[in-house]
């Protein structure tokens, strides 16, 4: 069996699709609040994709890659409070119209 190293690096915008799919899959199957509320894989992927795009541009998030395959095997998705506040305001405005 060959061993491979896991490399952690800053997330780039090109990582967003794979990172969103990974987080959507893991959270939809293993995160207790997501599982109990039956949050769909697609909805979780979309949330990760929205925040991931902004986060990658700001350099806030990281991905873990299997060095041998280049596959993203882990991720830390971070959003700034300003981004979250802006998103909440947009949602509230959208809901009110």
Protein backbone atom coordinates (compact mmCIF):
# COMPACT_ATOMS: atom_id res chain seq x y z
CA UNK A 1 0.00 0.00 0.00
CA UNK A 2 1.35 3.41 -0.89
CA UNK A 3 0.93 6.26 1.47
CA UNK A 4 0.12 9.77 0.41
CA UNK A 5 0.52 13.04 2.18
CA UNK A 6 -2.27 15.45 2.94
CA UNK A 7 -1.39 19.02 2.05
CA UNK A 8 -3.33 21.96 3.47
CA UNK A 9 -3.35 25.19 1.51
CA UNK A 10 -5.41 28.32 1.05
CA UNK A 11 -8.53 27.69 -1.01
CA UNK A 12 -8.61 29.15 -4.52
CA UNK A 13 -11.66 29.99 -6.59
CA UNK A 14 -10.98 26.94 -8.77
CA UNK A 15 -11.44 24.73 -5.67
CA UNK A 16 -14.96 26.00 -4.99
CA UNK A 17 -16.87 23.38 -6.96
CA UNK A 18 -15.07 20.37 -5.45
CA UNK A 19 -15.12 21.92 -1.96
CA UNK A 20 -18.87 22.60 -2.20
CA UNK A 21 -19.60 19.03 -3.28
CA UNK A 22 -17.48 17.61 -0.44
CA UNK A 23 -19.04 19.78 2.27
CA UNK A 24 -22.57 19.24 0.91
CA UNK A 25 -22.06 15.48 0.93
CA UNK A 26 -20.52 15.29 4.40
CA UNK A 27 -22.95 17.70 6.08
CA UNK A 28 -26.05 16.16 4.46
CA UNK A 29 -25.09 12.73 5.83
CA UNK A 30 -23.31 13.48 9.12
CA UNK A 31 -24.16 16.91 10.56
CA UNK A 32 -26.86 16.35 13.22
CA UNK A 33 -28.83 19.59 12.55
CA UNK A 34 -28.69 19.05 8.77
CA UNK A 35 -29.71 15.40 9.07
CA UNK A 36 -32.55 16.05 11.53
CA UNK A 37 -34.00 18.85 9.37
CA UNK A 38 -33.45 16.79 6.20
CA UNK A 39 -31.40 19.57 4.60
CA UNK A 40 -30.84 18.40 1.04
CA UNK A 41 -27.44 17.71 -0.45
CA UNK A 42 -28.19 20.21 -3.20
CA UNK A 43 -29.12 23.00 -0.79
CA UNK A 44 -26.00 22.44 1.32
CA UNK A 45 -23.82 22.42 -1.81
CA UNK A 46 -25.38 25.71 -2.93
CA UNK A 47 -24.77 27.33 0.46
CA UNK A 48 -21.14 26.18 0.45
CA UNK A 49 -20.73 27.39 -3.13
CA UNK A 50 -22.10 30.86 -2.36
CA UNK A 51 -19.94 31.41 0.70
CA UNK A 52 -16.97 29.57 -0.82
CA UNK A 53 -16.71 31.93 -3.76
CA UNK A 54 -16.52 35.01 -1.55
CA UNK A 55 -14.29 33.30 0.98
CA UNK A 56 -11.79 32.18 -1.68
CA UNK A 57 -11.51 35.73 -3.00
CA UNK A 58 -10.72 36.98 0.50
CA UNK A 59 -8.31 34.14 1.33
CA UNK A 60 -10.27 33.03 4.39
CA UNK A 61 -10.72 29.30 3.73
CA UNK A 62 -8.43 26.30 3.38
CA UNK A 63 -8.59 22.94 1.63
CA UNK A 64 -6.82 19.67 2.39
CA UNK A 65 -5.60 17.79 -0.67
CA UNK A 66 -4.48 14.22 -1.13
CA UNK A 67 -1.08 14.95 -2.64
CA UNK A 68 -1.07 11.80 -4.78
CA UNK A 69 -4.49 12.30 -6.41
CA UNK A 70 -4.96 16.06 -6.04
CA UNK A 71 -8.44 15.35 -4.64
CA UNK A 72 -9.87 17.68 -2.01
CA UNK A 73 -10.40 15.50 1.07
CA UNK A 74 -11.15 18.21 3.62
CA UNK A 75 -12.03 21.87 3.87
CA UNK A 76 -12.50 24.71 6.30
CA UNK A 77 -15.03 27.20 4.98
CA UNK A 78 -14.88 30.56 6.72
CA UNK A 79 -17.05 33.60 6.01
CA UNK A 80 -16.45 37.05 7.42
CA UNK A 81 -19.07 38.58 9.70
CA UNK A 82 -19.48 41.34 7.12
CA UNK A 83 -20.25 38.74 4.42
CA UNK A 84 -22.78 36.99 6.66
CA UNK A 85 -24.44 40.28 7.65
CA UNK A 86 -24.62 41.33 4.01
CA UNK A 87 -26.13 37.97 3.03
CA UNK A 88 -28.70 38.14 5.86
CA UNK A 89 -29.71 41.65 4.84
CA UNK A 90 -30.14 40.55 1.23
CA UNK A 91 -32.25 37.59 2.35
CA UNK A 92 -34.44 39.79 4.54
CA UNK A 93 -34.91 42.28 1.70
CA UNK A 94 -35.73 39.49 -0.73
CA UNK A 95 -38.22 37.91 1.66
CA UNK A 96 -39.99 41.19 2.32
CA UNK A 97 -40.71 42.00 -1.36
